[in-house]
Amino acid sequence: MDSIRYERELYVPVRDFLVRQGFSVRAEVGHCDVVAMRDEEMYIVELKRHLSFDLLAQAVSRQACTDFVYVAVPKPSDLKLDKAWRSKMRVLKRLGLGLLLVSVRRDKYRVEEVLTPETPQGHRHNKRKARSIVREFDNRSVDGNIGGSRGVPLMTAYREAALTIACIIARYGPLKPKGIREKGGDPKKTTSILNANFYGWFIRLEDGTYDLSDIGRAAPNTFEEVANSINAALNQSASAAFNARVIDEVSESDDIPKNGMNNTETKRRKPRQLKRDEKEAK
């Protein structure tokens, strides 16, 4: 069995394990390494290379948001003979935490569910924290993070909204906030994001429009996967808007016959007169 050297190596196999069970998965949501949603169920997984007290404390704190909390760690080389591990598993079970063990052999990862979470009775949830996590999860269009990563910018819902604005300006040129919203920017956050300019991506021009700074022009490349998803959505939105305009134009033209009269006037014409009108129109 090969060794797992980095915490971030655990994320993809854990994500795939959850996706196969019908979950939508996001990494680094509300300080949680992994959040998975299936219908109304929320699962949280904390990733670590070692099963430590800090990991247990972190996982127990997540039980304030949901009953379904796991810890995921690399699988020991000989789990059955490891007495210390058996003691740790008893502690996990007493705390009501689930356990996922990740192993790798010849670049093939495997995830085993060793313990199922069972939160003790009488445990209360912090609904405000739970709602905050769900809201952040729902506002992410794609999973732009890798759980367990350290020292890299995280893709939050706020950053994704700012990146959407950057993609819109890159596509259409300088725009006012209203124009950005009409092109697909967040209806509520666009103006505040532009004013705050937290990432330094935007430049306000004299005419009240906003353009991109050099950092802003590089942002779609920095977050390429999320930017590609945003641009695909913008393409779809632009195509739908174009088709709607075409349908409206066709509908309007259908109401006016070639002779330039409305349908009511046409019906009043006698058959001979209609024929003459058609000949003249030709």
C-alpha atoms as a PDB file:
ATOM      1  CA  MET A   1       0.000   0.000   0.000  1.00  0.00           C
ATOM      2  CA  ASP A   2       1.421   3.383  -1.039  1.00  0.00           C
ATOM      3  CA  SER A   3       1.637   6.301   1.369  1.00  0.00           C
ATOM      4  CA  ILE A   4      -0.462   9.478   1.281  1.00  0.00           C
ATOM      5  CA  ARG A   5       1.861  12.427   1.808  1.00  0.00           C
ATOM      6  CA  TYR A   6      -0.492  15.408   1.652  1.00  0.00           C
ATOM      7  CA  GLU A   7      -3.855  16.176   3.184  1.00  0.00           C
ATOM      8  CA  ARG A   8      -5.213  17.416  -0.150  1.00  0.00           C
ATOM      9  CA  GLU A   9      -4.677  13.930  -1.633  1.00  0.00           C
ATOM     10  CA  LEU A  10      -7.625  12.746   0.455  1.00  0.00           C
ATOM     11  CA  TYR A  11     -10.130  15.111  -1.131  1.00  0.00           C
ATOM     12  CA  VAL A  12     -10.716  13.669  -4.612  1.00  0.00           C
ATOM     13  CA  PRO A  13     -11.284  10.055  -3.462  1.00  0.00           C
ATOM     14  CA  VAL A  14     -13.602  11.240  -0.658  1.00  0.00           C
ATOM     15  CA  ARG A  15     -15.472  13.500  -3.081  1.00  0.00           C
ATOM     16  CA  ASP A  16     -15.890  10.690  -5.600  1.00  0.00           C
ATOM     17  CA  PHE A  17     -17.041   8.335  -2.831  1.00  0.00           C
ATOM     18  CA  LEU A  18     -19.811  10.789  -1.875  1.00  0.00           C
ATOM     19  CA  VAL A  19     -20.784  11.614  -5.459  1.00  0.00           C
ATOM     20  CA  ARG A  20     -21.356   7.919  -6.145  1.00  0.00           C
ATOM     21  CA  GLN A  21     -23.923   7.982  -3.333  1.00  0.00           C
ATOM     22  CA  GLY A  22     -25.849  10.834  -4.924  1.00  0.00           C
ATOM     23  CA  PHE A  23     -24.333  13.804  -3.087  1.00  0.00           C
ATOM     24  CA  SER A  24     -23.367  17.188  -4.475  1.00  0.00           C
ATOM     25  CA  VAL A  25     -19.966  18.043  -3.013  1.00  0.00           C
ATOM     26  CA  ARG A  26     -18.080  21.283  -2.349  1.00  0.00           C
ATOM     27  CA  ALA A  27     -14.700  21.795  -0.686  1.00  0.00           C
ATOM     28  CA  GLU A  28     -13.766  24.428   1.891  1.00  0.00           C
ATOM     29  CA  VAL A  29     -17.255  25.677   2.731  1.00  0.00           C
ATOM     30  CA  GLY A  30     -17.623  27.704   5.923  1.00  0.00           C
ATOM     31  CA  HIS A  31     -14.281  26.410   7.311  1.00  0.00           C
ATOM     32  CA  CYS A  32     -15.353  22.790   6.662  1.00  0.00           C
ATOM     33  CA  ASP A  33     -12.973  20.730   4.523  1.00  0.00           C
ATOM     34  CA  VAL A  34     -15.813  18.969   2.682  1.00  0.00           C
ATOM     35  CA  VAL A  35     -19.565  19.583   2.626  1.00  0.00           C
ATOM     36  CA  ALA A  36     -21.925  17.211   0.819  1.00  0.00           C
ATOM     37  CA  MET A  37     -25.643  17.759   0.212  1.00  0.00           C
ATOM     38  CA  ARG A  38     -28.289  15.219  -0.780  1.00  0.00           C
ATOM     39  CA  ASP A  39     -31.845  16.540  -0.701  1.00  0.00           C
ATOM     40  CA  GLU A  40     -32.068  18.147   2.762  1.00  0.00           C
ATOM     41  CA  GLU A  41     -29.221  16.103   4.279  1.00  0.00           C
ATOM     42  CA  MET A  42     -25.893  17.804   4.976  1.00  0.00           C
ATOM     43  CA  TYR A  43     -22.742  15.761   5.535  1.00  0.00           C
ATOM     44  CA  ILE A  44     -19.452  17.277   6.711  1.00  0.00           C
ATOM     45  CA  VAL A  45     -16.063  15.585   6.360  1.00  0.00           C
ATOM     46  CA  GLU A  46     -12.841  16.808   7.957  1.00  0.00           C
ATOM     47  CA  LEU A  47      -9.625  15.661   6.288  1.00  0.00           C
ATOM     48  CA  LYS A  48      -6.335  15.061   8.087  1.00  0.00           C
ATOM     49  CA  ARG A  49      -3.231  12.935   7.619  1.00  0.00           C
ATOM     50  CA  HIS A  50      -3.324  11.892  11.266  1.00  0.00           C
ATOM     51  CA  LEU A  51      -6.129  11.199  13.724  1.00  0.00           C
ATOM     52  CA  SER A  52      -5.326  13.775  16.399  1.00  0.00           C
ATOM     53  CA  PHE A  53      -7.086  15.516  19.273  1.00  0.00           C
ATOM     54  CA  ASP A  54      -7.298  18.695  17.166  1.00  0.00           C
ATOM     55  CA  LEU A  55      -9.124  16.763  14.442  1.00  0.00           C
ATOM     56  CA  LEU A  56     -11.575  15.309  16.966  1.00  0.00           C
ATOM     57  CA  ALA A  57     -12.258  18.745  18.457  1.00  0.00           C
ATOM     58  CA  GLN A  58     -12.803  20.163  14.980  1.00  0.00           C
ATOM     59  CA  ALA A  59     -15.186  17.359  14.020  1.00  0.00           C
ATOM     60  CA  VAL A  60     -17.171  17.640  17.262  1.00  0.00           C
ATOM     61  CA  SER A  61     -17.649  21.367  16.639  1.00  0.00           C
ATOM     62  CA  ARG A  62     -19.144  20.504  13.220  1.00  0.00           C
ATOM     63  CA  GLN A  63     -21.850  18.484  14.989  1.00  0.00           C
ATOM     64  CA  ALA A  64     -23.421  21.832  15.843  1.00  0.00           C
ATOM     65  CA  CYS A  65     -24.469  21.990  12.173  1.00  0.00           C
ATOM     66  CA  THR A  66     -25.404  18.409  11.323  1.00  0.00           C
ATOM     67  CA  ASP A  67     -25.654  14.899  12.757  1.00  0.00           C
ATOM     68  CA  PHE A  68     -23.585  13.512   9.880  1.00  0.00           C
ATOM     69  CA  VAL A  69     -19.925  14.321  10.551  1.00  0.00           C
ATOM     70  CA  TYR A  70     -17.007  12.186   9.379  1.00  0.00           C
ATOM     71  CA  VAL A  71     -13.262  12.316   9.743  1.00  0.00           C
ATOM     72  CA  ALA A  72     -11.215  11.002   6.820  1.00  0.00           C
ATOM     73  CA  VAL A  73      -7.615   9.877   7.291  1.00  0.00           C
ATOM     74  CA  PRO A  74      -5.165   7.562   5.509  1.00  0.00           C
ATOM     75  CA  LYS A  75      -5.689   3.912   6.323  1.00  0.00           C
ATOM     76  CA  PRO A  76      -3.029   2.390   8.636  1.00  0.00           C
ATOM     77  CA  SER A  77      -0.939  -0.331   7.043  1.00  0.00           C
ATOM     78  CA  ASP A  78      -2.183  -2.986   9.485  1.00  0.00           C
ATOM     79  CA  LEU A  79      -5.389  -1.748  11.088  1.00  0.00           C
ATOM     80  CA  LYS A  80      -6.426  -5.041  12.713  1.00  0.00           C
ATOM     81  CA  LEU A  81      -3.182  -5.394  14.686  1.00  0.00           C
ATOM     82  CA  ASP A  82      -2.946  -1.732  15.712  1.00  0.00           C
ATOM     83  CA  LYS A  83      -4.219  -1.533  19.321  1.00  0.00           C
ATOM     84  CA  ALA A  84      -3.873   2.253  19.423  1.00  0.00           C
ATOM     85  CA  TRP A  85      -6.124   2.532  16.385  1.00  0.00           C
ATOM     86  CA  ARG A  86      -8.766   0.323  17.941  1.00  0.00           C
ATOM     87  CA  SER A  87      -8.779   2.638  20.974  1.00  0.00           C
ATOM     88  CA  LYS A  88      -9.139   5.672  18.720  1.00  0.00           C
ATOM     89  CA  MET A  89     -12.081   4.067  16.958  1.00  0.00           C
ATOM     90  CA  ARG A  90     -13.818   3.511  20.304  1.00  0.00           C
ATOM     91  CA  VAL A  91     -13.404   7.223  21.037  1.00  0.00           C
ATOM     92  CA  LEU A  92     -14.830   8.122  17.615  1.00  0.00           C
ATOM     93  CA  LYS A  93     -17.804   5.873  18.204  1.00  0.00           C
ATOM     94  CA  ARG A  94     -18.423   7.369  21.651  1.00  0.00           C
ATOM     95  CA  LEU A  95     -18.345  10.855  20.101  1.00  0.00           C
ATOM     96  CA  GLY A  96     -20.774   9.793  17.375  1.00  0.00           C
ATOM     97  CA  LEU A  97     -18.342  10.563  14.544  1.00  0.00           C
ATOM     98  CA  GLY A  98     -18.079   8.645  11.295  1.00  0.00           C
ATOM     99  CA  LEU A  99     -14.746   7.402   9.969  1.00  0.00           C
ATOM    100  CA  LEU A 100     -13.543   7.144   6.369  1.00  0.00           C
ATOM    101  CA  LEU A 101     -10.219   5.443   5.670  1.00  0.00           C
ATOM    102  CA  VAL A 102      -8.441   6.292   2.421  1.00  0.00           C
ATOM    103  CA  SER A 103      -5.831   4.029   0.878  1.00  0.00           C
ATOM    104  CA  VAL A 104      -3.905   4.120  -2.391  1.00  0.00           C
ATOM    105  CA  ARG A 105      -2.177   1.400  -4.354  1.00  0.00           C
ATOM    106  CA  ARG A 106      -0.602   2.019  -7.756  1.00  0.00           C
ATOM    107  CA  ASP A 107      -2.334   5.405  -8.075  1.00  0.00           C
ATOM    108  CA  LYS A 108      -5.763   3.867  -7.401  1.00  0.00           C
ATOM    109  CA  TYR A 109      -7.563   5.258  -4.364  1.00  0.00           C
ATOM    110  CA  ARG A 110     -10.060   3.429  -2.200  1.00  0.00           C
ATOM    111  CA  VAL A 111     -12.376   4.809   0.497  1.00  0.00           C
ATOM    112  CA  GLU A 112     -13.848   2.599   3.237  1.00  0.00           C
ATOM    113  CA  GLU A 113     -16.620   3.681   5.591  1.00  0.00           C
ATOM    114  CA  VAL A 114     -15.535   2.107   8.878  1.00  0.00           C
ATOM    115  CA  LEU A 115     -17.848   3.995  11.245  1.00  0.00           C
ATOM    116  CA  THR A 116     -21.234   5.615  10.594  1.00  0.00           C
ATOM    117  CA  PRO A 117     -21.954   8.864  12.467  1.00  0.00           C
ATOM    118  CA  GLU A 118     -24.401   8.600  15.360  1.00  0.00           C
ATOM    119  CA  THR A 119     -24.780  11.918  17.162  1.00  0.00           C
ATOM    120  CA  PRO A 120     -25.712  11.456  20.843  1.00  0.00           C
ATOM    121  CA  GLN A 121     -29.346  12.060  21.751  1.00  0.00           C
ATOM    122  CA  GLY A 122     -30.235  15.503  23.007  1.00  0.00           C
ATOM    123  CA  HIS A 123     -27.559  17.148  20.876  1.00  0.00           C
ATOM    124  CA  ARG A 124     -28.695  20.567  19.670  1.00  0.00           C
ATOM    125  CA  HIS A 125     -27.876  22.182  16.349  1.00  0.00           C
ATOM    126  CA  ASN A 126     -26.894  25.775  15.739  1.00  0.00           C
ATOM    127  CA  LYS A 127     -29.397  26.584  12.995  1.00  0.00           C
ATOM    128  CA  ARG A 128     -27.723  29.873  12.127  1.00  0.00           C
ATOM    129  CA  LYS A 129     -24.389  28.174  11.420  1.00  0.00           C
ATOM    130  CA  ALA A 130     -26.095  25.408   9.458  1.00  0.00           C
ATOM    131  CA  ARG A 131     -27.988  27.918   7.308  1.00  0.00           C
ATOM    132  CA  SER A 132     -24.776  29.837   6.670  1.00  0.00           C
ATOM    133  CA  ILE A 133     -23.052  26.701   5.366  1.00  0.00           C
ATOM    134  CA  VAL A 134     -26.022  25.742   3.187  1.00  0.00           C
ATOM    135  CA  ARG A 135     -26.224  29.275   1.770  1.00  0.00           C
ATOM    136  CA  GLU A 136     -22.509  29.291   0.921  1.00  0.00           C
ATOM    137  CA  PHE A 137     -22.861  25.827  -0.634  1.00  0.00           C
ATOM    138  CA  ASP A 138     -25.854  26.835  -2.763  1.00  0.00           C
ATOM    139  CA  ASN A 139     -24.167  30.012  -4.010  1.00  0.00           C
ATOM    140  CA  ARG A 140     -21.281  28.039  -5.499  1.00  0.00           C
ATOM    141  CA  SER A 141     -21.939  26.987  -9.094  1.00  0.00           C
ATOM    142  CA  VAL A 142     -18.993  24.560  -9.217  1.00  0.00           C
ATOM    143  CA  ASP A 143     -16.495  23.047  -6.823  1.00  0.00           C
ATOM    144  CA  GLY A 144     -13.502  25.319  -7.333  1.00  0.00           C
ATOM    145  CA  ASN A 145     -11.502  24.222  -4.273  1.00  0.00           C
ATOM    146  CA  ILE A 146      -9.563  21.177  -3.140  1.00  0.00           C
ATOM    147  CA  GLY A 147     -10.326  20.135   0.416  1.00  0.00           C
ATOM    148  CA  GLY A 148      -7.336  20.202   2.723  1.00  0.00           C
ATOM    149  CA  SER A 149      -5.406  22.729   0.625  1.00  0.00           C
ATOM    150  CA  ARG A 150      -3.312  25.282   2.461  1.00  0.00           C
ATOM    151  CA  GLY A 151      -1.886  28.602   1.275  1.00  0.00           C
ATOM    152  CA  VAL A 152      -4.046  28.912  -1.871  1.00  0.00           C
ATOM    153  CA  PRO A 153      -6.950  31.335  -2.490  1.00  0.00           C
ATOM    154  CA  LEU A 154     -10.300  29.699  -1.760  1.00  0.00           C
ATOM    155  CA  MET A 155     -13.261  29.999  -4.113  1.00  0.00           C
ATOM    156  CA  THR A 156     -16.037  31.402  -1.952  1.00  0.00           C
ATOM    157  CA  ALA A 157     -19.496  32.445  -3.115  1.00  0.00           C
ATOM    158  CA  TYR A 158     -18.385  36.091  -2.834  1.00  0.00           C
ATOM    159  CA  ARG A 159     -15.269  35.482  -4.937  1.00  0.00           C
ATOM    160  CA  GLU A 160     -17.354  33.628  -7.530  1.00  0.00           C
ATOM    161  CA  ALA A 161     -19.749  36.596  -7.761  1.00  0.00           C
ATOM    162  CA  ALA A 162     -16.753  38.912  -8.267  1.00  0.00           C
ATOM    163  CA  LEU A 163     -15.310  36.530 -10.855  1.00  0.00           C
ATOM    164  CA  THR A 164     -18.640  36.572 -12.705  1.00  0.00           C
ATOM    165  CA  ILE A 165     -18.401  40.365 -12.921  1.00  0.00           C
ATOM    166  CA  ALA A 166     -14.822  40.068 -14.204  1.00  0.00           C
ATOM    167  CA  CYS A 167     -15.896  37.580 -16.886  1.00  0.00           C
ATOM    168  CA  ILE A 168     -18.763  39.855 -17.966  1.00  0.00           C
ATOM    169  CA  ILE A 169     -16.496  42.913 -18.279  1.00  0.00           C
ATOM    170  CA  ALA A 170     -13.870  40.850 -20.119  1.00  0.00           C
ATOM    171  CA  ARG A 171     -16.559  39.777 -22.584  1.00  0.00           C
ATOM    172  CA  TYR A 172     -18.499  43.013 -23.119  1.00  0.00           C
ATOM    173  CA  GLY A 173     -16.039  45.750 -22.144  1.00  0.00           C
ATOM    174  CA  PRO A 174     -16.561  48.488 -19.522  1.00  0.00           C
ATOM    175  CA  LEU A 175     -20.096  48.538 -18.109  1.00  0.00           C
ATOM    176  CA  LYS A 176     -22.115  50.285 -15.436  1.00  0.00           C
ATOM    177  CA  PRO A 177     -23.447  48.183 -12.535  1.00  0.00           C
ATOM    178  CA  LYS A 178     -26.908  48.036 -14.119  1.00  0.00           C
ATOM    179  CA  GLY A 179     -25.448  46.700 -17.364  1.00  0.00           C
ATOM    180  CA  ILE A 180     -23.432  44.097 -15.471  1.00  0.00           C
ATOM    181  CA  ARG A 181     -26.553  42.902 -13.666  1.00  0.00           C
ATOM    182  CA  GLU A 182     -28.427  42.688 -16.975  1.00  0.00           C
ATOM    183  CA  LYS A 183     -25.627  40.534 -18.423  1.00  0.00           C
ATOM    184  CA  GLY A 184     -25.761  38.053 -15.536  1.00  0.00           C
ATOM    185  CA  GLY A 185     -24.142  39.729 -12.522  1.00  0.00           C
ATOM    186  CA  ASP A 186     -25.538  39.075  -9.057  1.00  0.00           C
ATOM    187  CA  PRO A 187     -28.704  41.205  -8.661  1.00  0.00           C
ATOM    188  CA  LYS A 188     -27.935  42.065  -5.020  1.00  0.00           C
ATOM    189  CA  LYS A 189     -24.143  42.007  -4.709  1.00  0.00           C
ATOM    190  CA  THR A 190     -22.850  43.559  -7.946  1.00  0.00           C
ATOM    191  CA  THR A 191     -22.780  47.191  -6.790  1.00  0.00           C
ATOM    192  CA  SER A 192     -21.303  46.427  -3.363  1.00  0.00           C
ATOM    193  CA  ILE A 193     -18.613  44.175  -4.883  1.00  0.00           C
ATOM    194  CA  LEU A 194     -17.601  46.895  -7.350  1.00  0.00           C
ATOM    195  CA  ASN A 195     -17.533  49.576  -4.650  1.00  0.00           C
ATOM    196  CA  ALA A 196     -15.566  47.469  -2.170  1.00  0.00           C
ATOM    197  CA  ASN A 197     -13.186  46.143  -4.863  1.00  0.00           C
ATOM    198  CA  PHE A 198     -11.824  43.756  -2.253  1.00  0.00           C
ATOM    199  CA  TYR A 199      -9.550  41.873  -4.677  1.00  0.00           C
ATOM    200  CA  GLY A 200      -8.400  44.930  -6.655  1.00  0.00           C
ATOM    201  CA  TRP A 201      -9.893  43.551  -9.868  1.00  0.00           C
ATOM    202  CA  PHE A 202     -11.940  46.590 -10.949  1.00  0.00           C
ATOM    203  CA  ILE A 203     -11.289  50.183 -12.040  1.00  0.00           C
ATOM    204  CA  ARG A 204     -13.989  52.847 -11.996  1.00  0.00           C
ATOM    205  CA  LEU A 205     -13.838  55.098 -15.063  1.00  0.00           C
ATOM    206  CA  GLU A 206     -14.939  58.735 -15.266  1.00  0.00           C
ATOM    207  CA  ASP A 207     -18.198  57.909 -17.050  1.00  0.00           C
ATOM    208  CA  GLY A 208     -19.302  55.647 -14.189  1.00  0.00           C
ATOM    209  CA  THR A 209     -18.464  52.403 -15.973  1.00  0.00           C
ATOM    210  CA  TYR A 210     -16.153  49.740 -14.573  1.00  0.00           C
ATOM    211  CA  ASP A 211     -13.202  48.122 -16.319  1.00  0.00           C
ATOM    212  CA  LEU A 212     -10.710  45.455 -15.227  1.00  0.00           C
ATOM    213  CA  SER A 213      -7.313  46.079 -13.679  1.00  0.00           C
ATOM    214  CA  ASP A 214      -4.346  43.960 -14.731  1.00  0.00           C
ATOM    215  CA  ILE A 215      -5.018  41.681 -11.752  1.00  0.00           C
ATOM    216  CA  GLY A 216      -8.679  41.466 -12.750  1.00  0.00           C
ATOM    217  CA  ARG A 217      -7.800  40.437 -16.298  1.00  0.00           C
ATOM    218  CA  ALA A 218      -5.674  37.623 -14.898  1.00  0.00           C
ATOM    219  CA  ALA A 219      -8.377  36.418 -12.487  1.00  0.00           C
ATOM    220  CA  PRO A 220     -10.213  34.133 -14.991  1.00  0.00           C
ATOM    221  CA  ASN A 221      -6.914  32.339 -15.657  1.00  0.00           C
ATOM    222  CA  THR A 222      -6.169  32.031 -11.943  1.00  0.00           C
ATOM    223  CA  PHE A 223      -9.549  30.395 -11.332  1.00  0.00           C
ATOM    224  CA  GLU A 224      -9.824  28.729 -14.725  1.00  0.00           C
ATOM    225  CA  GLU A 225     -12.271  25.937 -13.864  1.00  0.00           C
ATOM    226  CA  VAL A 226     -14.800  28.278 -12.258  1.00  0.00           C
ATOM    227  CA  ALA A 227     -14.326  30.912 -14.989  1.00  0.00           C
ATOM    228  CA  ASN A 228     -15.016  28.294 -17.670  1.00  0.00           C
ATOM    229  CA  SER A 229     -18.258  27.363 -15.917  1.00  0.00           C
ATOM    230  CA  ILE A 230     -19.249  31.035 -15.635  1.00  0.00           C
ATOM    231  CA  ASN A 231     -18.514  31.699 -19.311  1.00  0.00           C
ATOM    232  CA  ALA A 232     -20.533  28.642 -20.322  1.00  0.00           C
ATOM    233  CA  ALA A 233     -23.482  29.983 -18.315  1.00  0.00           C
ATOM    234  CA  LEU A 234     -23.045  33.427 -19.902  1.00  0.00           C
ATOM    235  CA  ASN A 235     -23.046  31.838 -23.358  1.00  0.00           C
ATOM    236  CA  GLN A 236     -26.237  29.972 -22.550  1.00  0.00           C
ATOM    237  CA  SER A 237     -27.873  33.110 -21.164  1.00  0.00           C
ATOM    238  CA  ALA A 238     -26.880  35.187 -24.202  1.00  0.00           C
ATOM    239  CA  SER A 239     -28.173  32.481 -26.548  1.00  0.00           C
ATOM    240  CA  ALA A 240     -31.486  32.277 -24.690  1.00  0.00           C
ATOM    241  CA  ALA A 241     -31.871  36.068 -24.806  1.00  0.00           C
ATOM    242  CA  PHE A 242     -31.139  36.107 -28.547  1.00  0.00           C
ATOM    243  CA  ASN A 243     -33.667  33.338 -29.223  1.00  0.00           C
ATOM    244  CA  ALA A 244     -36.285  35.184 -27.176  1.00  0.00           C
ATOM    245  CA  ARG A 245     -35.746  38.339 -29.249  1.00  0.00           C
ATOM    246  CA  VAL A 246     -36.056  36.380 -32.489  1.00  0.00           C
ATOM    247  CA  ILE A 247     -39.300  34.771 -31.318  1.00  0.00           C
ATOM    248  CA  ASP A 248     -40.697  38.179 -30.352  1.00  0.00           C
ATOM    249  CA  GLU A 249     -39.767  39.647 -33.732  1.00  0.00           C
ATOM    250  CA  VAL A 250     -41.302  36.713 -35.595  1.00  0.00           C
ATOM    251  CA  SER A 251     -44.469  36.944 -33.503  1.00  0.00           C
ATOM    252  CA  GLU A 252     -44.792  40.643 -34.278  1.00  0.00           C
ATOM    253  CA  SER A 253     -44.254  40.089 -38.002  1.00  0.00           C
ATOM    254  CA  ASP A 254     -46.860  37.307 -38.056  1.00  0.00           C
ATOM    255  CA  ASP A 255     -49.474  39.832 -36.931  1.00  0.00           C
ATOM    256  CA  ILE A 256     -48.847  41.987 -40.015  1.00  0.00           C
ATOM    257  CA  PRO A 257     -49.481  40.449 -43.440  1.00  0.00           C
ATOM    258  CA  LYS A 258     -47.440  41.369 -46.504  1.00  0.00           C
ATOM    259  CA  ASN A 259     -49.926  44.059 -47.566  1.00  0.00           C
ATOM    260  CA  GLY A 260     -49.172  45.962 -44.345  1.00  0.00           C
ATOM    261  CA  MET A 261     -52.699  45.663 -42.862  1.00  0.00           C
ATOM    262  CA  ASN A 262     -53.636  44.030 -39.585  1.00  0.00           C
ATOM    263  CA  ASN A 263     -55.639  40.801 -39.543  1.00  0.00           C
ATOM    264  CA  THR A 264     -58.933  42.537 -38.734  1.00  0.00           C
ATOM    265  CA  GLU A 265     -58.676  44.752 -41.787  1.00  0.00           C
ATOM    266  CA  THR A 266     -57.706  41.788 -43.956  1.00  0.00           C
ATOM    267  CA  LYS A 267     -60.766  39.822 -42.913  1.00  0.00           C
ATOM    268  CA  ARG A 268     -62.994  42.723 -43.971  1.00  0.00           C
ATOM    269  CA  ARG A 269     -61.620  42.687 -47.521  1.00  0.00           C
ATOM    270  CA  LYS A 270     -63.488  40.825 -50.206  1.00  0.00           C
ATOM    271  CA  PRO A 271     -61.745  37.838 -51.816  1.00  0.00           C
ATOM    272  CA  ARG A 272     -61.163  39.692 -55.132  1.00  0.00           C
ATOM    273  CA  GLN A 273     -59.631  42.659 -53.348  1.00  0.00           C
ATOM    274  CA  LEU A 274     -57.342  40.338 -51.394  1.00  0.00           C
ATOM    275  CA  LYS A 275     -56.088  38.748 -54.589  1.00  0.00           C
ATOM    276  CA  ARG A 276     -55.352  42.171 -56.114  1.00  0.00           C
ATOM    277  CA  ASP A 277     -53.507  43.212 -52.963  1.00  0.00           C
ATOM    278  CA  GLU A 278     -51.397  40.064 -53.090  1.00  0.00           C
ATOM    279  CA  LYS A 279     -50.496  40.694 -56.742  1.00  0.00           C
ATOM    280  CA  GLU A 280     -49.449  44.267 -55.952  1.00  0.00           C
ATOM    281  CA  ALA A 281     -47.399  43.086 -53.019  1.00  0.00           C
ATOM    282  CA  LYS A 282     -45.524  40.715 -55.321  1.00  0.00           C
END
